[in-house]
N, C-alpha and C. Protein backbone atom coordinates (compact mmCIF):
# COMPACT_ATOMS: atom_id res chain seq x y z
N MET A 1 -32.20 -14.20 30.40
CA MET A 1 -30.42 -13.85 29.60
C MET A 1 -31.15 -13.94 28.02
N GLN A 2 -30.43 -12.48 27.53
CA GLN A 2 -30.75 -11.79 26.00
C GLN A 2 -29.06 -12.37 25.42
N VAL A 3 -29.71 -13.29 24.42
CA VAL A 3 -28.59 -12.94 23.49
C VAL A 3 -28.50 -12.69 21.97
N GLU A 4 -27.55 -11.54 22.20
CA GLU A 4 -27.67 -10.52 20.90
C GLU A 4 -27.77 -11.42 19.29
N PRO A 5 -28.00 -11.19 18.63
CA PRO A 5 -28.12 -11.96 17.36
C PRO A 5 -27.02 -11.64 16.34
N ILE A 6 -26.33 -12.72 15.51
CA ILE A 6 -25.12 -12.43 14.85
C ILE A 6 -24.87 -11.66 14.11
N LYS A 7 -24.24 -10.62 13.98
CA LYS A 7 -24.21 -9.79 12.66
C LYS A 7 -23.09 -10.17 11.44
N ILE A 8 -23.51 -10.68 10.80
CA ILE A 8 -22.90 -11.13 9.21
C ILE A 8 -22.66 -9.53 8.72
N ILE A 9 -20.89 -9.66 9.21
CA ILE A 9 -19.83 -8.29 8.02
C ILE A 9 -19.59 -8.86 6.77
N LYS A 10 -19.48 -7.91 6.03
CA LYS A 10 -19.14 -8.84 4.49
C LYS A 10 -17.64 -7.87 3.98
N ILE A 11 -16.56 -8.78 4.57
CA ILE A 11 -15.25 -8.03 4.29
C ILE A 11 -14.77 -7.60 2.67
N MET A 12 -14.75 -6.35 2.29
CA MET A 12 -14.99 -6.28 1.38
C MET A 12 -13.00 -5.75 1.13
N LYS A 13 -12.44 -6.68 0.20
CA LYS A 13 -11.02 -5.90 -0.42
C LYS A 13 -11.12 -4.75 -1.09
N GLN A 14 -10.05 -4.01 -0.10
CA GLN A 14 -10.16 -3.08 -1.25
C GLN A 14 -9.40 -2.79 -2.27
N LEU A 15 -9.88 -1.91 -3.40
CA LEU A 15 -8.75 -1.64 -4.32
C LEU A 15 -7.62 -1.63 -4.08
N LEU A 16 -6.11 -1.64 -4.89
CA LEU A 16 -4.97 -1.84 -4.71
C LEU A 16 -4.82 0.26 -6.18
N GLU A 17 -4.23 0.82 -5.43
CA GLU A 17 -3.55 1.52 -5.77
C GLU A 17 -2.12 1.59 -6.30
N LYS A 18 -2.04 2.13 -7.69
CA LYS A 18 -0.43 2.28 -8.27
C LYS A 18 -0.48 3.24 -8.87
N GLU A 19 0.74 4.03 -9.38
CA GLU A 19 0.89 5.12 -9.66
C GLU A 19 1.54 5.74 -10.89
N ASN A 20 1.10 6.41 -12.04
CA ASN A 20 2.03 5.97 -12.86
C ASN A 20 2.31 7.40 -13.12
N VAL A 21 3.24 7.56 -13.39
CA VAL A 21 3.85 8.84 -14.10
C VAL A 21 4.09 9.04 -15.86
N LYS A 22 2.79 9.77 -16.53
CA LYS A 22 3.04 9.77 -17.89
C LYS A 22 3.29 11.72 -18.15
N TYR A 23 3.94 12.39 -19.17
CA TYR A 23 4.26 13.34 -19.32
C TYR A 23 4.41 14.20 -18.00
N GLY A 24 5.18 13.72 -17.31
CA GLY A 24 5.67 14.85 -16.01
C GLY A 24 4.35 14.51 -14.98
N ARG A 25 3.32 14.20 -15.53
CA ARG A 25 1.72 14.06 -14.16
C ARG A 25 1.85 12.75 -14.04
N VAL A 26 1.76 12.78 -12.29
CA VAL A 26 1.35 11.52 -11.51
C VAL A 26 -0.05 11.28 -11.61
N TYR A 27 -0.24 10.06 -12.11
CA TYR A 27 -2.19 9.37 -12.34
C TYR A 27 -1.87 8.59 -11.39
N ILE A 28 -3.43 8.26 -10.57
CA ILE A 28 -3.21 7.10 -9.84
C ILE A 28 -4.30 6.06 -10.52
N SER A 29 -3.87 4.94 -10.64
CA SER A 29 -5.08 3.57 -10.98
C SER A 29 -5.29 2.88 -9.86
N LYS A 30 -6.81 2.79 -10.28
CA LYS A 30 -7.38 1.74 -8.65
C LYS A 30 -7.21 0.19 -9.71
N PHE A 31 -7.53 -0.61 -9.21
CA PHE A 31 -7.27 -1.92 -9.75
C PHE A 31 -6.89 -2.88 -9.13
N ALA A 32 -7.49 -4.10 -9.64
CA ALA A 32 -8.44 -5.71 -8.50
C ALA A 32 -7.14 -6.47 -9.17
N LEU A 33 -6.64 -7.72 -7.90
CA LEU A 33 -5.38 -8.50 -8.36
C LEU A 33 -6.89 -9.84 -8.59
N ILE A 34 -6.50 -10.47 -9.91
CA ILE A 34 -7.72 -11.57 -9.84
C ILE A 34 -7.29 -12.26 -10.49
N TYR A 35 -7.42 -14.31 -10.33
CA TYR A 35 -7.14 -15.19 -10.49
C TYR A 35 -7.87 -15.39 -11.86
N SER A 36 -7.35 -16.27 -12.23
CA SER A 36 -8.46 -16.73 -13.43
C SER A 36 -8.12 -18.17 -13.37
N PHE A 37 -9.25 -19.44 -14.43
CA PHE A 37 -8.75 -20.78 -14.10
C PHE A 37 -8.44 -20.70 -15.60
N LYS A 38 -8.40 -21.81 -16.08
CA LYS A 38 -7.98 -22.34 -17.00
C LYS A 38 -9.03 -23.51 -16.83
N LYS A 39 -9.13 -24.07 -18.60
CA LYS A 39 -10.10 -24.72 -19.09
C LYS A 39 -10.24 -26.03 -18.02
N ASN A 40 -8.90 -26.46 -17.87
CA ASN A 40 -9.04 -27.87 -16.96
C ASN A 40 -9.43 -27.41 -15.49
N GLY A 41 -9.52 -26.26 -15.08
CA GLY A 41 -10.04 -26.11 -13.69
C GLY A 41 -8.51 -25.84 -12.50
N GLU A 42 -8.00 -25.37 -13.72
CA GLU A 42 -6.44 -25.25 -12.91
C GLU A 42 -6.26 -24.04 -12.55
N ARG A 43 -6.12 -23.52 -11.57
CA ARG A 43 -5.29 -21.63 -12.01
C ARG A 43 -4.38 -21.58 -12.30
N HIS A 44 -4.37 -20.01 -12.86
CA HIS A 44 -2.99 -19.38 -13.66
C HIS A 44 -2.11 -19.34 -12.45
N THR A 45 -1.25 -18.94 -12.45
CA THR A 45 -0.10 -18.48 -11.22
C THR A 45 0.43 -17.40 -11.49
N LYS A 46 -0.16 -16.75 -11.98
CA LYS A 46 0.24 -15.27 -12.16
C LYS A 46 -1.50 -14.20 -11.72
N PRO A 47 -1.73 -13.84 -11.32
CA PRO A 47 -3.03 -12.95 -11.16
C PRO A 47 -2.90 -11.88 -12.06
N THR A 48 -3.87 -11.73 -13.11
CA THR A 48 -4.28 -10.33 -13.38
C THR A 48 -4.23 -8.91 -13.27
N GLU A 49 -4.11 -8.28 -13.60
CA GLU A 49 -5.18 -6.62 -12.99
C GLU A 49 -6.07 -5.84 -13.90
N TYR A 50 -6.76 -6.09 -13.41
CA TYR A 50 -8.33 -5.61 -13.57
C TYR A 50 -8.82 -3.91 -13.41
N MET A 51 -8.56 -2.88 -14.26
CA MET A 51 -8.97 -2.25 -13.55
C MET A 51 -10.60 -1.38 -12.87
N ALA A 52 -10.34 -1.09 -12.26
CA ALA A 52 -12.01 -0.56 -11.80
C ALA A 52 -12.77 0.43 -12.71
N PHE A 53 -13.72 0.64 -13.10
CA PHE A 53 -14.32 1.33 -13.77
C PHE A 53 -16.03 2.04 -13.38
N GLY A 54 -16.22 3.72 -13.27
CA GLY A 54 -17.01 3.13 -12.96
C GLY A 54 -17.23 3.74 -11.12
N ASN A 55 -18.33 3.16 -10.75
CA ASN A 55 -18.61 2.79 -9.75
C ASN A 55 -18.04 1.54 -8.24
N GLU A 56 -17.00 1.21 -9.36
CA GLU A 56 -16.58 0.06 -8.18
C GLU A 56 -15.90 0.39 -7.32
N LYS A 57 -16.15 -0.01 -6.06
CA LYS A 57 -15.37 0.35 -4.62
C LYS A 57 -14.70 -0.88 -3.81
N SER A 58 -14.49 -1.96 -4.68
CA SER A 58 -13.48 -3.25 -3.53
C SER A 58 -13.76 -4.10 -5.13
N GLN A 59 -12.78 -4.98 -5.03
CA GLN A 59 -12.40 -6.11 -5.72
C GLN A 59 -13.73 -7.45 -5.89
N ASP A 60 -14.45 -7.43 -5.37
CA ASP A 60 -15.79 -7.51 -5.47
C ASP A 60 -16.49 -7.34 -6.16
N ASP A 61 -16.94 -5.94 -5.81
CA ASP A 61 -17.44 -5.33 -7.64
C ASP A 61 -16.20 -5.61 -8.86
N VAL A 62 -15.16 -5.80 -8.92
CA VAL A 62 -14.39 -5.96 -10.70
C VAL A 62 -14.75 -7.52 -10.46
N LEU A 63 -14.87 -8.12 -9.81
CA LEU A 63 -15.02 -10.05 -9.42
C LEU A 63 -16.31 -9.77 -10.62
N ALA A 64 -17.91 -9.17 -9.49
CA ALA A 64 -18.97 -9.25 -9.64
C ALA A 64 -19.04 -9.09 -11.14
N ARG A 65 -18.50 -7.56 -12.23
CA ARG A 65 -18.15 -7.44 -12.98
C ARG A 65 -17.66 -8.53 -14.12
N LEU A 66 -16.51 -9.07 -13.60
CA LEU A 66 -16.20 -9.77 -14.88
C LEU A 66 -17.09 -11.35 -14.92
N GLN A 67 -17.05 -11.47 -13.51
CA GLN A 67 -17.95 -12.88 -13.80
C GLN A 67 -19.38 -12.50 -14.64
N LYS A 68 -20.26 -11.45 -14.19
CA LYS A 68 -21.25 -10.82 -15.15
C LYS A 68 -20.64 -11.28 -16.84
N ASN A 69 -19.83 -10.59 -17.53
CA ASN A 69 -19.58 -10.36 -18.11
C ASN A 69 -18.79 -12.09 -18.93
N ASN A 70 -18.44 -12.64 -18.31
CA ASN A 70 -17.87 -13.66 -18.26
C ASN A 70 -18.34 -15.17 -17.35
N PRO A 71 -19.71 -15.07 -18.15
CA PRO A 71 -20.07 -16.39 -17.60
C PRO A 71 -19.47 -17.66 -17.69
N THR A 72 -18.47 -17.97 -18.29
CA THR A 72 -18.33 -19.70 -18.93
C THR A 72 -17.02 -19.60 -17.72
N GLN A 73 -16.33 -18.68 -17.63
CA GLN A 73 -15.15 -18.36 -17.17
C GLN A 73 -15.33 -18.47 -15.88
N LYS A 74 -14.30 -19.22 -15.16
CA LYS A 74 -13.73 -19.36 -13.12
C LYS A 74 -13.58 -17.62 -12.49
N PHE A 75 -13.50 -17.04 -11.72
CA PHE A 75 -12.32 -16.28 -11.41
C PHE A 75 -12.38 -16.05 -9.96
N GLU A 76 -11.10 -15.79 -9.47
CA GLU A 76 -10.87 -15.59 -7.93
C GLU A 76 -10.05 -14.39 -7.89
N ILE A 77 -10.28 -13.83 -6.22
CA ILE A 77 -9.56 -13.03 -6.07
C ILE A 77 -8.70 -12.76 -5.45
N ALA A 78 -7.53 -12.66 -6.02
CA ALA A 78 -6.18 -12.83 -4.90
C ALA A 78 -5.51 -12.10 -4.09
């Protein structure tokens, strides 16, 4: 009897899209909704929209960028 090895699958949350109309043209923005934490460890009540830049394909990529640029602050995907 052979046992298959367990496959670990990392589920990445897709970026959210929003349509913006400016000067009669439609633009699609890709963003992630991320909670930040207060100094006392409490989570803010509303998540903040962070735009995706460069080759960021998921909300995890945006979260990694925020944590890299703000090492003293804590973030969580909404």
